Amino acid sequence: MNRDRSCKGCRDEYQVTEEQIIRVLASPMFSEGNSVPESVYQERLLHCKECPKLVGGYTCSLCGCIVRITAKLKEKCCPLPGTPMWQSFIE
């Protein structure tokens, strides 16, 4: 039985590349209607960068998301319990 309790996203065979992130962000899912404005996106990324729950520079250890992808979507919010770093974007 494998006793390695690390998340599979932390293992080398599951590492996401820069090219993969760029390809996902270019998909129709990230159209203007679904995405936050660039200024909000950059602010969210700054908060994530300062968060102790950020692992490897791009993964949230609380929810397992790739923050550059999640932070782009309007309906998403920071999963930090108690005091989230950012909220859903409502215009």
PDB file of N, CA and C in Angstrom:
ATOM      1  N   MET A   1       0.840  -1.190   0.000  1.00  0.00           N
ATOM      2  CA  MET A   1       0.000   0.000   0.000  1.00  0.00           C
ATOM      3  C   MET A   1       0.879   1.246   0.000  1.00  0.00           C
ATOM      4  N   ASN A   2       0.560   2.198  -0.826  1.00  0.00           N
ATOM      5  CA  ASN A   2       1.323   3.437  -0.929  1.00  0.00           C
ATOM      6  C   ASN A   2       0.971   4.350   0.235  1.00  0.00           C
ATOM      7  N   ARG A   3       1.945   4.708   1.026  1.00  0.00           N
ATOM      8  CA  ARG A   3       1.717   5.562   2.191  1.00  0.00           C
ATOM      9  C   ARG A   3       2.023   7.026   1.909  1.00  0.00           C
ATOM     10  N   ASP A   4       2.360   7.338   0.664  1.00  0.00           N
ATOM     11  CA  ASP A   4       2.637   8.719   0.284  1.00  0.00           C
ATOM     12  C   ASP A   4       1.328   9.507   0.291  1.00  0.00           C
ATOM     13  N   ARG A   5       1.183  10.440   1.232  1.00  0.00           N
ATOM     14  CA  ARG A   5      -0.055  11.192   1.397  1.00  0.00           C
ATOM     15  C   ARG A   5      -0.038  12.542   0.687  1.00  0.00           C
ATOM     16  N   SER A   6       1.013  12.833  -0.064  1.00  0.00           N
ATOM     17  CA  SER A   6       1.041  14.120  -0.760  1.00  0.00           C
ATOM     18  C   SER A   6      -0.025  14.124  -1.845  1.00  0.00           C
ATOM     19  N   CYS A   7      -0.522  15.310  -2.155  1.00  0.00           N
ATOM     20  CA  CYS A   7      -1.537  15.387  -3.209  1.00  0.00           C
ATOM     21  C   CYS A   7      -0.896  15.013  -4.546  1.00  0.00           C
ATOM     22  N   LYS A   8      -1.687  14.435  -5.426  1.00  0.00           N
ATOM     23  CA  LYS A   8      -1.111  14.006  -6.691  1.00  0.00           C
ATOM     24  C   LYS A   8      -0.637  15.175  -7.535  1.00  0.00           C
ATOM     25  N   GLY A   9      -1.182  16.374  -7.317  1.00  0.00           N
ATOM     26  CA  GLY A   9      -0.735  17.546  -8.047  1.00  0.00           C
ATOM     27  C   GLY A   9       0.684  17.954  -7.701  1.00  0.00           C
ATOM     28  N   CYS A  10       1.181  17.459  -6.577  1.00  0.00           N
ATOM     29  CA  CYS A  10       2.547  17.790  -6.161  1.00  0.00           C
ATOM     30  C   CYS A  10       3.572  16.833  -6.768  1.00  0.00           C
ATOM     31  N   ARG A  11       3.125  15.734  -7.317  1.00  0.00           N
ATOM     32  CA  ARG A  11       4.041  14.762  -7.908  1.00  0.00           C
ATOM     33  C   ARG A  11       4.461  15.216  -9.304  1.00  0.00           C
ATOM     34  N   ASP A  12       5.674  14.888  -9.681  1.00  0.00           N
ATOM     35  CA  ASP A  12       6.241  15.324 -10.958  1.00  0.00           C
ATOM     36  C   ASP A  12       5.387  14.955 -12.159  1.00  0.00           C
ATOM     37  N   GLU A  13       4.777  13.784 -12.146  1.00  0.00           N
ATOM     38  CA  GLU A  13       4.012  13.353 -13.313  1.00  0.00           C
ATOM     39  C   GLU A  13       2.715  14.136 -13.502  1.00  0.00           C
ATOM     40  N   TYR A  14       2.344  14.963 -12.530  1.00  0.00           N
ATOM     41  CA  TYR A  14       1.127  15.762 -12.627  1.00  0.00           C
ATOM     42  C   TYR A  14       1.389  17.263 -12.704  1.00  0.00           C
ATOM     43  N   GLN A  15       2.622  17.662 -12.898  1.00  0.00           N
ATOM     44  CA  GLN A  15       2.948  19.080 -12.955  1.00  0.00           C
ATOM     45  C   GLN A  15       2.351  19.719 -14.212  1.00  0.00           C
ATOM     46  N   VAL A  16       1.758  20.880 -14.030  1.00  0.00           N
ATOM     47  CA  VAL A  16       1.147  21.614 -15.132  1.00  0.00           C
ATOM     48  C   VAL A  16       2.181  22.571 -15.699  1.00  0.00           C
ATOM     49  N   THR A  17       2.249  22.623 -17.019  1.00  0.00           N
ATOM     50  CA  THR A  17       3.230  23.495 -17.661  1.00  0.00           C
ATOM     51  C   THR A  17       2.628  24.871 -17.944  1.00  0.00           C
ATOM     52  N   GLU A  18       3.488  25.819 -18.181  1.00  0.00           N
ATOM     53  CA  GLU A  18       3.073  27.166 -18.564  1.00  0.00           C
ATOM     54  C   GLU A  18       2.235  27.128 -19.841  1.00  0.00           C
ATOM     55  N   GLU A  19       2.644  26.314 -20.789  1.00  0.00           N
ATOM     56  CA  GLU A  19       1.916  26.193 -22.051  1.00  0.00           C
ATOM     57  C   GLU A  19       0.491  25.680 -21.819  1.00  0.00           C
ATOM     58  N   GLN A  20       0.328  24.731 -20.901  1.00  0.00           N
ATOM     59  CA  GLN A  20      -1.001  24.201 -20.609  1.00  0.00           C
ATOM     60  C   GLN A  20      -1.891  25.268 -19.973  1.00  0.00           C
ATOM     61  N   ILE A  21      -1.333  26.051 -19.070  1.00  0.00           N
ATOM     62  CA  ILE A  21      -2.103  27.118 -18.422  1.00  0.00           C
ATOM     63  C   ILE A  21      -2.535  28.149 -19.470  1.00  0.00           C
ATOM     64  N   ILE A  22      -1.631  28.542 -20.339  1.00  0.00           N
ATOM     65  CA  ILE A  22      -1.942  29.515 -21.395  1.00  0.00           C
ATOM     66  C   ILE A  22      -3.038  28.968 -22.307  1.00  0.00           C
ATOM     67  N   ARG A  23      -2.952  27.695 -22.655  1.00  0.00           N
ATOM     68  CA  ARG A  23      -3.960  27.083 -23.526  1.00  0.00           C
ATOM     69  C   ARG A  23      -5.338  27.075 -22.851  1.00  0.00           C
ATOM     70  N   VAL A  24      -5.394  26.766 -21.575  1.00  0.00           N
ATOM     71  CA  VAL A  24      -6.670  26.770 -20.853  1.00  0.00           C
ATOM     72  C   VAL A  24      -7.235  28.184 -20.790  1.00  0.00           C
ATOM     73  N   LEU A  25      -6.396  29.170 -20.469  1.00  0.00           N
ATOM     74  CA  LEU A  25      -6.862  30.555 -20.368  1.00  0.00           C
ATOM     75  C   LEU A  25      -7.329  31.117 -21.715  1.00  0.00           C
ATOM     76  N   ALA A  26      -6.898  30.521 -22.820  1.00  0.00           N
ATOM     77  CA  ALA A  26      -7.319  30.968 -24.145  1.00  0.00           C
ATOM     78  C   ALA A  26      -8.624  30.312 -24.592  1.00  0.00           C
ATOM     79  N   SER A  27      -9.152  29.394 -23.806  1.00  0.00           N
ATOM     80  CA  SER A  27     -10.370  28.673 -24.196  1.00  0.00           C
ATOM     81  C   SER A  27     -11.599  29.574 -24.073  1.00  0.00           C
ATOM     82  N   PRO A  28     -12.676  29.223 -24.768  1.00  0.00           N
ATOM     83  CA  PRO A  28     -13.914  30.025 -24.740  1.00  0.00           C
ATOM     84  C   PRO A  28     -14.509  30.196 -23.336  1.00  0.00           C
ATOM     85  N   MET A  29     -14.201  29.295 -22.447  1.00  0.00           N
ATOM     86  CA  MET A  29     -14.690  29.387 -21.071  1.00  0.00           C
ATOM     87  C   MET A  29     -14.285  30.707 -20.411  1.00  0.00           C
ATOM     88  N   PHE A  30     -13.191  31.282 -20.898  1.00  0.00           N
ATOM     89  CA  PHE A  30     -12.671  32.515 -20.317  1.00  0.00           C
ATOM     90  C   PHE A  30     -13.025  33.732 -21.153  1.00  0.00           C
ATOM     91  N   SER A  31     -14.189  33.693 -21.772  1.00  0.00           N
ATOM     92  CA  SER A  31     -14.671  34.836 -22.538  1.00  0.00           C
ATOM     93  C   SER A  31     -14.914  36.011 -21.597  1.00  0.00           C
ATOM     94  N   GLU A  32     -15.098  37.174 -22.166  1.00  0.00           N
ATOM     95  CA  GLU A  32     -15.286  38.386 -21.369  1.00  0.00           C
ATOM     96  C   GLU A  32     -16.451  38.251 -20.383  1.00  0.00           C
ATOM     97  N   GLY A  33     -17.496  37.563 -20.766  1.00  0.00           N
ATOM     98  CA  GLY A  33     -18.652  37.401 -19.899  1.00  0.00           C
ATOM     99  C   GLY A  33     -18.394  36.556 -18.663  1.00  0.00           C
ATOM    100  N   ASN A  34     -17.415  35.676 -18.728  1.00  0.00           N
ATOM    101  CA  ASN A  34     -17.089  34.792 -17.605  1.00  0.00           C
ATOM    102  C   ASN A  34     -15.895  35.251 -16.784  1.00  0.00           C
ATOM    103  N   SER A  35     -15.087  36.128 -17.346  1.00  0.00           N
ATOM    104  CA  SER A  35     -13.827  36.518 -16.717  1.00  0.00           C
ATOM    105  C   SER A  35     -13.912  37.886 -16.047  1.00  0.00           C
ATOM    106  N   VAL A  36     -13.100  38.033 -15.023  1.00  0.00           N
ATOM    107  CA  VAL A  36     -12.998  39.329 -14.352  1.00  0.00           C
ATOM    108  C   VAL A  36     -12.144  40.269 -15.204  1.00  0.00           C
ATOM    109  N   PRO A  37     -12.285  41.585 -15.015  1.00  0.00           N
ATOM    110  CA  PRO A  37     -11.403  42.528 -15.718  1.00  0.00           C
ATOM    111  C   PRO A  37      -9.938  42.265 -15.342  1.00  0.00           C
ATOM    112  N   GLU A  38      -9.042  42.634 -16.224  1.00  0.00           N
ATOM    113  CA  GLU A  38      -7.610  42.379 -16.013  1.00  0.00           C
ATOM    114  C   GLU A  38      -7.104  42.943 -14.680  1.00  0.00           C
ATOM    115  N   SER A  39      -7.573  44.129 -14.290  1.00  0.00           N
ATOM    116  CA  SER A  39      -7.113  44.728 -13.027  1.00  0.00           C
ATOM    117  C   SER A  39      -7.522  43.876 -11.825  1.00  0.00           C
ATOM    118  N   VAL A  40      -8.730  43.329 -11.851  1.00  0.00           N
ATOM    119  CA  VAL A  40      -9.208  42.457 -10.773  1.00  0.00           C
ATOM    120  C   VAL A  40      -8.403  41.154 -10.776  1.00  0.00           C
ATOM    121  N   TYR A  41      -8.155  40.617 -11.946  1.00  0.00           N
ATOM    122  CA  TYR A  41      -7.374  39.386 -12.091  1.00  0.00           C
ATOM    123  C   TYR A  41      -5.982  39.566 -11.483  1.00  0.00           C
ATOM    124  N   GLN A  42      -5.312  40.652 -11.820  1.00  0.00           N
ATOM    125  CA  GLN A  42      -3.967  40.903 -11.296  1.00  0.00           C
ATOM    126  C   GLN A  42      -3.984  41.083  -9.779  1.00  0.00           C
ATOM    127  N   GLU A  43      -5.012  41.749  -9.265  1.00  0.00           N
ATOM    128  CA  GLU A  43      -5.141  41.931  -7.813  1.00  0.00           C
ATOM    129  C   GLU A  43      -5.337  40.584  -7.122  1.00  0.00           C
ATOM    130  N   ARG A  44      -6.176  39.738  -7.694  1.00  0.00           N
ATOM    131  CA  ARG A  44      -6.391  38.396  -7.130  1.00  0.00           C
ATOM    132  C   ARG A  44      -5.089  37.608  -7.111  1.00  0.00           C
ATOM    133  N   LEU A  45      -4.340  37.664  -8.205  1.00  0.00           N
ATOM    134  CA  LEU A  45      -3.075  36.929  -8.281  1.00  0.00           C
ATOM    135  C   LEU A  45      -2.074  37.435  -7.244  1.00  0.00           C
ATOM    136  N   LEU A  46      -2.071  38.737  -6.996  1.00  0.00           N
ATOM    137  CA  LEU A  46      -1.177  39.286  -5.964  1.00  0.00           C
ATOM    138  C   LEU A  46      -1.533  38.733  -4.584  1.00  0.00           C
ATOM    139  N   HIS A  47      -2.820  38.667  -4.290  1.00  0.00           N
ATOM    140  CA  HIS A  47      -3.258  38.104  -3.012  1.00  0.00           C
ATOM    141  C   HIS A  47      -2.834  36.639  -2.894  1.00  0.00           C
ATOM    142  N   CYS A  48      -3.028  35.889  -3.961  1.00  0.00           N
ATOM    143  CA  CYS A  48      -2.650  34.475  -3.948  1.00  0.00           C
ATOM    144  C   CYS A  48      -1.137  34.314  -3.770  1.00  0.00           C
ATOM    145  N   LYS A  49      -0.384  35.161  -4.422  1.00  0.00           N
ATOM    146  CA  LYS A  49       1.078  35.086  -4.338  1.00  0.00           C
ATOM    147  C   LYS A  49       1.564  35.285  -2.893  1.00  0.00           C
ATOM    148  N   GLU A  50       0.847  36.101  -2.129  1.00  0.00           N
ATOM    149  CA  GLU A  50       1.216  36.382  -0.746  1.00  0.00           C
ATOM    150  C   GLU A  50       0.678  35.341   0.245  1.00  0.00           C
ATOM    151  N   CYS A  51      -0.198  34.472  -0.217  1.00  0.00           N
ATOM    152  CA  CYS A  51      -0.865  33.506   0.654  1.00  0.00           C
ATOM    153  C   CYS A  51       0.054  32.330   1.002  1.00  0.00           C
ATOM    154  N   PRO A  52       0.104  31.939   2.271  1.00  0.00           N
ATOM    155  CA  PRO A  52       0.929  30.787   2.666  1.00  0.00           C
ATOM    156  C   PRO A  52       0.384  29.454   2.144  1.00  0.00           C
ATOM    157  N   LYS A  53      -0.822  29.443   1.634  1.00  0.00           N
ATOM    158  CA  LYS A  53      -1.423  28.214   1.106  1.00  0.00           C
ATOM    159  C   LYS A  53      -1.076  27.975  -0.361  1.00  0.00           C
ATOM    160  N   LEU A  54      -0.342  28.898  -0.976  1.00  0.00           N
ATOM    161  CA  LEU A  54       0.088  28.725  -2.362  1.00  0.00           C
ATOM    162  C   LEU A  54       1.269  27.753  -2.396  1.00  0.00           C
ATOM    163  N   VAL A  55       1.149  26.720  -3.214  1.00  0.00           N
ATOM    164  CA  VAL A  55       2.178  25.681  -3.299  1.00  0.00           C
ATOM    165  C   VAL A  55       2.781  25.692  -4.700  1.00  0.00           C
ATOM    166  N   GLY A  56       4.084  25.713  -4.765  1.00  0.00           N
ATOM    167  CA  GLY A  56       4.767  25.623  -6.050  1.00  0.00           C
ATOM    168  C   GLY A  56       4.551  26.808  -6.964  1.00  0.00           C
ATOM    169  N   GLY A  57       4.028  27.897  -6.427  1.00  0.00           N
ATOM    170  CA  GLY A  57       3.831  29.092  -7.220  1.00  0.00           C
ATOM    171  C   GLY A  57       2.544  29.147  -8.015  1.00  0.00           C
ATOM    172  N   TYR A  58       1.768  28.043  -8.030  1.00  0.00           N
ATOM    173  CA  TYR A  58       0.540  28.100  -8.817  1.00  0.00           C
ATOM    174  C   TYR A  58      -0.632  27.277  -8.290  1.00  0.00           C
ATOM    175  N   THR A  59      -0.449  26.455  -7.275  1.00  0.00           N
ATOM    176  CA  THR A  59      -1.532  25.607  -6.784  1.00  0.00           C
ATOM    177  C   THR A  59      -1.969  26.032  -5.392  1.00  0.00           C
ATOM    178  N   CYS A  60      -3.283  26.144  -5.193  1.00  0.00           N
ATOM    179  CA  CYS A  60      -3.841  26.430  -3.872  1.00  0.00           C
ATOM    180  C   CYS A  60      -3.939  25.117  -3.105  1.00  0.00           C
ATOM    181  N   SER A  61      -3.309  25.047  -1.941  1.00  0.00           N
ATOM    182  CA  SER A  61      -3.340  23.803  -1.175  1.00  0.00           C
ATOM    183  C   SER A  61      -4.679  23.585  -0.475  1.00  0.00           C
ATOM    184  N   LEU A  62      -5.530  24.596  -0.426  1.00  0.00           N
ATOM    185  CA  LEU A  62      -6.848  24.426   0.191  1.00  0.00           C
ATOM    186  C   LEU A  62      -7.834  23.740  -0.746  1.00  0.00           C
ATOM    187  N   CYS A  63      -7.874  24.167  -1.996  1.00  0.00           N
ATOM    188  CA  CYS A  63      -8.861  23.606  -2.926  1.00  0.00           C
ATOM    189  C   CYS A  63      -8.218  22.808  -4.066  1.00  0.00           C
ATOM    190  N   GLY A  64      -6.910  22.932  -4.239  1.00  0.00           N
ATOM    191  CA  GLY A  64      -6.221  22.200  -5.290  1.00  0.00           C
ATOM    192  C   GLY A  64      -6.263  22.849  -6.656  1.00  0.00           C
ATOM    193  N   CYS A  65      -6.816  24.052  -6.723  1.00  0.00           N
ATOM    194  CA  CYS A  65      -6.935  24.712  -8.028  1.00  0.00           C
ATOM    195  C   CYS A  65      -5.601  25.306  -8.474  1.00  0.00           C
ATOM    196  N   ILE A  66      -5.525  25.588  -9.754  1.00  0.00           N
ATOM    197  CA  ILE A  66      -4.420  26.355 -10.318  1.00  0.00           C
ATOM    198  C   ILE A  66      -4.891  27.799 -10.252  1.00  0.00           C
ATOM    199  N   VAL A  67      -4.268  28.605  -9.409  1.00  0.00           N
ATOM    200  CA  VAL A  67      -4.802  29.933  -9.103  1.00  0.00           C
ATOM    201  C   VAL A  67      -4.898  30.840 -10.330  1.00  0.00           C
ATOM    202  N   ARG A  68      -4.005  30.710 -11.290  1.00  0.00           N
ATOM    203  CA  ARG A  68      -4.082  31.565 -12.486  1.00  0.00           C
ATOM    204  C   ARG A  68      -5.336  31.278 -13.299  1.00  0.00           C
ATOM    205  N   ILE A  69      -5.879  30.105 -13.159  1.00  0.00           N
ATOM    206  CA  ILE A  69      -7.111  29.756 -13.864  1.00  0.00           C
ATOM    207  C   ILE A  69      -8.322  30.170 -13.033  1.00  0.00           C
ATOM    208  N   THR A  70      -8.350  29.782 -11.783  1.00  0.00           N
ATOM    209  CA  THR A  70      -9.491  30.092 -10.921  1.00  0.00           C
ATOM    210  C   THR A  70      -9.676  31.591 -10.724  1.00  0.00           C
ATOM    211  N   ALA A  71      -8.588  32.315 -10.538  1.00  0.00           N
ATOM    212  CA  ALA A  71      -8.673  33.757 -10.285  1.00  0.00           C
ATOM    213  C   ALA A  71      -9.255  34.525 -11.464  1.00  0.00           C
ATOM    214  N   LYS A  72      -9.261  33.941 -12.630  1.00  0.00           N
ATOM    215  CA  LYS A  72      -9.766  34.602 -13.841  1.00  0.00           C
ATOM    216  C   LYS A  72     -11.294  34.568 -13.928  1.00  0.00           C
ATOM    217  N   LEU A  73     -11.926  33.639 -13.228  1.00  0.00           N
ATOM    218  CA  LEU A  73     -13.369  33.445 -13.341  1.00  0.00           C
ATOM    219  C   LEU A  73     -14.160  34.277 -12.334  1.00  0.00           C
ATOM    220  N   LYS A  74     -15.187  34.947 -12.837  1.00  0.00           N
ATOM    221  CA  LYS A  74     -16.005  35.848 -12.018  1.00  0.00           C
ATOM    222  C   LYS A  74     -16.648  35.165 -10.814  1.00  0.00           C
ATOM    223  N   GLU A  75     -17.184  33.969 -11.017  1.00  0.00           N
ATOM    224  CA  GLU A  75     -17.957  33.341  -9.950  1.00  0.00           C
ATOM    225  C   GLU A  75     -17.109  32.679  -8.870  1.00  0.00           C
ATOM    226  N   LYS A  76     -15.823  32.591  -9.085  1.00  0.00           N
ATOM    227  CA  LYS A  76     -14.943  31.947  -8.100  1.00  0.00           C
ATOM    228  C   LYS A  76     -14.560  32.918  -6.988  1.00  0.00           C
ATOM    229  N   CYS A  77     -14.219  32.346  -5.829  1.00  0.00           N
ATOM    230  CA  CYS A  77     -13.730  33.144  -4.706  1.00  0.00           C
ATOM    231  C   CYS A  77     -12.617  32.380  -4.008  1.00  0.00           C
ATOM    232  N   CYS A  78     -11.857  33.065  -3.217  1.00  0.00           N
ATOM    233  CA  CYS A  78     -10.754  32.470  -2.473  1.00  0.00           C
ATOM    234  C   CYS A  78     -11.323  31.477  -1.449  1.00  0.00           C
ATOM    235  N   PRO A  79     -10.747  30.276  -1.335  1.00  0.00           N
ATOM    236  CA  PRO A  79     -11.258  29.278  -0.407  1.00  0.00           C
ATOM    237  C   PRO A  79     -10.723  29.399   1.026  1.00  0.00           C
ATOM    238  N   LEU A  80      -9.926  30.423   1.306  1.00  0.00           N
ATOM    239  CA  LEU A  80      -9.351  30.568   2.642  1.00  0.00           C
ATOM    240  C   LEU A  80     -10.463  30.733   3.676  1.00  0.00           C
ATOM    241  N   PRO A  81     -10.563  29.831   4.652  1.00  0.00           N
ATOM    242  CA  PRO A  81     -11.637  29.916   5.650  1.00  0.00           C
ATOM    243  C   PRO A  81     -11.520  31.175   6.518  1.00  0.00           C
ATOM    244  N   GLY A  82     -12.657  31.731   6.855  1.00  0.00           N
ATOM    245  CA  GLY A  82     -12.688  32.885   7.751  1.00  0.00           C
ATOM    246  C   GLY A  82     -12.481  34.215   7.074  1.00  0.00           C
ATOM    247  N   THR A  83     -11.330  34.402   6.475  1.00  0.00           N
ATOM    248  CA  THR A  83     -11.003  35.673   5.833  1.00  0.00           C
ATOM    249  C   THR A  83     -10.457  35.433   4.424  1.00  0.00           C
ATOM    250  N   PRO A  84     -11.351  35.151   3.466  1.00  0.00           N
ATOM    251  CA  PRO A  84     -10.885  34.934   2.091  1.00  0.00           C
ATOM    252  C   PRO A  84     -10.109  36.144   1.575  1.00  0.00           C
ATOM    253  N   MET A  85      -9.132  35.890   0.749  1.00  0.00           N
ATOM    254  CA  MET A  85      -8.295  36.957   0.194  1.00  0.00           C
ATOM    255  C   MET A  85      -9.040  37.763  -0.875  1.00  0.00           C
ATOM    256  N   TRP A  86     -10.038  37.137  -1.561  1.00  0.00           N
ATOM    257  CA  TRP A  86     -10.839  37.818  -2.568  1.00  0.00           C
ATOM    258  C   TRP A  86     -12.167  37.109  -2.721  1.00  0.00           C
ATOM    259  N   GLN A  87     -13.164  37.877  -3.194  1.00  0.00           N
ATOM    260  CA  GLN A  87     -14.540  37.390  -3.317  1.00  0.00           C
ATOM    261  C   GLN A  87     -14.922  37.211  -4.778  1.00  0.00           C
ATOM    262  N   SER A  88     -16.097  36.623  -4.990  1.00  0.00           N
ATOM    263  CA  SER A  88     -16.671  36.545  -6.339  1.00  0.00           C
ATOM    264  C   SER A  88     -16.845  37.958  -6.873  1.00  0.00           C
ATOM    265  N   PHE A  89     -16.774  38.094  -8.187  1.00  0.00           N
ATOM    266  CA  PHE A  89     -16.880  39.407  -8.816  1.00  0.00           C
ATOM    267  C   PHE A  89     -18.299  39.634  -9.290  1.00  0.00           C
ATOM    268  N   ILE A  90     -18.946  40.624  -8.708  1.00  0.00           N
ATOM    269  CA  ILE A  90     -20.311  40.973  -9.087  1.00  0.00           C
ATOM    270  C   ILE A  90     -20.287  42.390  -9.601  1.00  0.00           C
ATOM    271  N   GLU A  91     -20.746  42.566 -10.853  1.00  0.00           N
ATOM    272  CA  GLU A  91     -20.747  43.909 -11.459  1.00  0.00           C
ATOM    273  C   GLU A  91     -21.968  44.671 -11.053  1.00  0.00           C
TER     274      GLU A  91
END
